[in-house]
Amino acid sequence: MKKSLSTDLDFFVECVAQSKVAVYDMTGKLVDYGGVIQKYSNKAVKLGDTYYFRDLYEFKAK
């Protein structure tokens, strides 16, 4: 089962672990199959070369 990420601590743990994180839009459609978190803030997450706003997408660790 994939773990949903929502708190800064969730993103920090997956960033340090270099886990693959998948990105889904609010309808549940897969947007990015999975990448390692490069950076994150309280507003956005960077996977590879792409930034995703935290309030517009759902993030799940593999």
N, C-alpha and C. Protein backbone atom coordinates (compact mmCIF):
# COMPACT_ATOMS: atom_id res chain seq x y z
N MET A 1 0.84 -1.18 0.00
CA MET A 1 0.00 0.00 0.00
C MET A 1 0.89 1.25 0.00
N LYS A 2 0.49 2.23 -0.75
CA LYS A 2 1.25 3.47 -0.84
C LYS A 2 0.86 4.40 0.31
N LYS A 3 1.87 5.05 0.87
CA LYS A 3 1.64 5.98 1.97
C LYS A 3 1.42 7.38 1.43
N SER A 4 0.31 8.00 1.81
CA SER A 4 0.05 9.39 1.42
C SER A 4 0.92 10.33 2.24
N LEU A 5 1.46 11.34 1.57
CA LEU A 5 2.30 12.32 2.23
C LEU A 5 1.53 13.62 2.38
N SER A 6 1.54 14.19 3.57
CA SER A 6 0.82 15.45 3.75
C SER A 6 1.58 16.43 4.63
N THR A 7 2.30 15.96 5.62
CA THR A 7 3.00 16.87 6.54
C THR A 7 4.44 17.10 6.08
N ASP A 8 5.03 18.16 6.61
CA ASP A 8 6.45 18.41 6.31
C ASP A 8 7.30 17.23 6.75
N LEU A 9 6.96 16.61 7.87
CA LEU A 9 7.72 15.45 8.35
C LEU A 9 7.62 14.29 7.36
N ASP A 10 6.43 14.06 6.79
CA ASP A 10 6.27 13.01 5.78
C ASP A 10 7.22 13.25 4.61
N PHE A 11 7.25 14.48 4.11
CA PHE A 11 8.10 14.80 2.96
C PHE A 11 9.58 14.71 3.34
N PHE A 12 9.93 15.14 4.54
CA PHE A 12 11.32 15.06 5.00
C PHE A 12 11.80 13.61 5.05
N VAL A 13 11.01 12.74 5.64
CA VAL A 13 11.38 11.33 5.78
C VAL A 13 11.60 10.70 4.41
N GLU A 14 10.69 10.95 3.47
CA GLU A 14 10.82 10.35 2.13
C GLU A 14 11.97 10.98 1.36
N CYS A 15 12.24 12.25 1.59
CA CYS A 15 13.37 12.92 0.95
C CYS A 15 14.69 12.31 1.42
N VAL A 16 14.84 12.16 2.72
CA VAL A 16 16.07 11.58 3.29
C VAL A 16 16.24 10.13 2.85
N ALA A 17 15.14 9.39 2.79
CA ALA A 17 15.19 7.97 2.40
C ALA A 17 15.37 7.79 0.89
N GLN A 18 15.25 8.91 0.13
CA GLN A 18 15.35 8.86 -1.32
C GLN A 18 14.30 7.91 -1.93
N SER A 19 13.13 7.90 -1.32
CA SER A 19 12.03 7.05 -1.80
C SER A 19 11.43 7.62 -3.07
N LYS A 20 10.89 6.75 -3.88
CA LYS A 20 10.15 7.20 -5.07
C LYS A 20 8.76 7.64 -4.62
N VAL A 21 8.35 8.78 -5.13
CA VAL A 21 7.06 9.36 -4.78
C VAL A 21 6.26 9.57 -6.06
N ALA A 22 5.04 9.07 -6.07
CA ALA A 22 4.14 9.26 -7.21
C ALA A 22 3.24 10.46 -6.95
N VAL A 23 2.80 11.12 -8.02
CA VAL A 23 1.97 12.31 -7.92
C VAL A 23 0.64 12.05 -8.61
N TYR A 24 -0.46 12.40 -7.92
CA TYR A 24 -1.81 12.22 -8.45
C TYR A 24 -2.53 13.55 -8.40
N ASP A 25 -3.41 13.79 -9.41
CA ASP A 25 -4.23 15.00 -9.34
C ASP A 25 -5.39 14.73 -8.39
N MET A 26 -6.23 15.72 -8.18
CA MET A 26 -7.31 15.60 -7.20
C MET A 26 -8.42 14.63 -7.62
N THR A 27 -8.42 14.21 -8.88
CA THR A 27 -9.39 13.21 -9.31
C THR A 27 -8.83 11.80 -9.16
N GLY A 28 -7.57 11.68 -8.73
CA GLY A 28 -6.94 10.38 -8.55
C GLY A 28 -6.15 9.90 -9.75
N LYS A 29 -6.08 10.72 -10.79
CA LYS A 29 -5.34 10.35 -12.00
C LYS A 29 -3.83 10.52 -11.76
N LEU A 30 -3.07 9.51 -12.15
CA LEU A 30 -1.62 9.54 -12.02
C LEU A 30 -1.03 10.61 -12.93
N VAL A 31 -0.23 11.52 -12.35
CA VAL A 31 0.37 12.61 -13.10
C VAL A 31 1.86 12.34 -13.34
N ASP A 32 2.53 11.80 -12.33
CA ASP A 32 3.96 11.49 -12.41
C ASP A 32 4.14 10.13 -11.76
N TYR A 33 4.71 9.18 -12.49
CA TYR A 33 4.81 7.79 -12.03
C TYR A 33 5.69 7.63 -10.80
N GLY A 34 6.57 8.55 -10.55
CA GLY A 34 7.39 8.47 -9.35
C GLY A 34 8.79 8.97 -9.55
N GLY A 35 9.21 9.75 -8.63
CA GLY A 35 10.57 10.27 -8.64
C GLY A 35 11.00 10.57 -7.22
N VAL A 36 12.26 10.88 -7.06
CA VAL A 36 12.81 11.21 -5.76
C VAL A 36 12.59 12.70 -5.50
N ILE A 37 12.22 13.04 -4.29
CA ILE A 37 12.01 14.44 -3.92
C ILE A 37 13.34 15.17 -3.95
N GLN A 38 13.43 16.20 -4.77
CA GLN A 38 14.63 17.02 -4.85
C GLN A 38 14.59 18.14 -3.80
N LYS A 39 13.41 18.76 -3.68
CA LYS A 39 13.20 19.85 -2.73
C LYS A 39 11.73 19.85 -2.35
N TYR A 40 11.42 20.45 -1.21
CA TYR A 40 10.02 20.65 -0.84
C TYR A 40 9.92 21.88 0.05
N SER A 41 8.75 22.47 0.04
CA SER A 41 8.44 23.59 0.93
C SER A 41 7.00 23.41 1.38
N ASN A 42 6.50 24.36 2.12
CA ASN A 42 5.10 24.25 2.55
C ASN A 42 4.13 24.48 1.39
N LYS A 43 4.63 24.93 0.24
CA LYS A 43 3.78 25.19 -0.92
C LYS A 43 3.97 24.22 -2.08
N ALA A 44 5.19 23.70 -2.28
CA ALA A 44 5.46 22.89 -3.47
C ALA A 44 6.48 21.79 -3.18
N VAL A 45 6.46 20.81 -4.08
CA VAL A 45 7.40 19.69 -4.03
C VAL A 45 8.06 19.58 -5.40
N LYS A 46 9.37 19.41 -5.42
CA LYS A 46 10.09 19.26 -6.68
C LYS A 46 10.51 17.81 -6.85
N LEU A 47 10.03 17.20 -7.93
CA LEU A 47 10.43 15.84 -8.33
C LEU A 47 11.11 15.99 -9.68
N GLY A 48 12.36 15.59 -9.76
CA GLY A 48 13.10 15.79 -11.01
C GLY A 48 13.20 17.27 -11.30
N ASP A 49 12.75 17.68 -12.47
CA ASP A 49 12.80 19.10 -12.86
C ASP A 49 11.44 19.78 -12.76
N THR A 50 10.47 19.12 -12.14
CA THR A 50 9.10 19.64 -12.11
C THR A 50 8.66 19.95 -10.69
N TYR A 51 8.02 21.10 -10.53
CA TYR A 51 7.44 21.49 -9.25
C TYR A 51 5.94 21.19 -9.27
N TYR A 52 5.43 20.67 -8.15
CA TYR A 52 4.01 20.39 -7.98
C TYR A 52 3.53 21.10 -6.72
N PHE A 53 2.44 21.86 -6.84
CA PHE A 53 1.88 22.54 -5.67
C PHE A 53 1.22 21.52 -4.75
N ARG A 54 1.53 21.62 -3.48
CA ARG A 54 1.02 20.65 -2.51
C ARG A 54 -0.49 20.69 -2.36
N ASP A 55 -1.11 21.84 -2.57
CA ASP A 55 -2.56 21.93 -2.41
C ASP A 55 -3.34 21.49 -3.65
N LEU A 56 -2.63 21.21 -4.75
CA LEU A 56 -3.30 20.79 -5.99
C LEU A 56 -3.08 19.32 -6.32
N TYR A 57 -2.14 18.68 -5.65
CA TYR A 57 -1.79 17.29 -5.96
C TYR A 57 -1.70 16.46 -4.70
N GLU A 58 -1.81 15.15 -4.89
CA GLU A 58 -1.62 14.19 -3.81
C GLU A 58 -0.34 13.44 -4.07
N PHE A 59 0.44 13.21 -3.03
CA PHE A 59 1.74 12.56 -3.14
C PHE A 59 1.71 11.26 -2.35
N LYS A 60 2.21 10.19 -2.99
CA LYS A 60 2.22 8.89 -2.33
C LYS A 60 3.59 8.25 -2.49
N ALA A 61 4.15 7.82 -1.36
CA ALA A 61 5.44 7.13 -1.38
C ALA A 61 5.21 5.68 -1.80
N LYS A 62 6.15 5.17 -2.60
CA LYS A 62 6.04 3.78 -3.06
C LYS A 62 6.65 2.84 -2.07
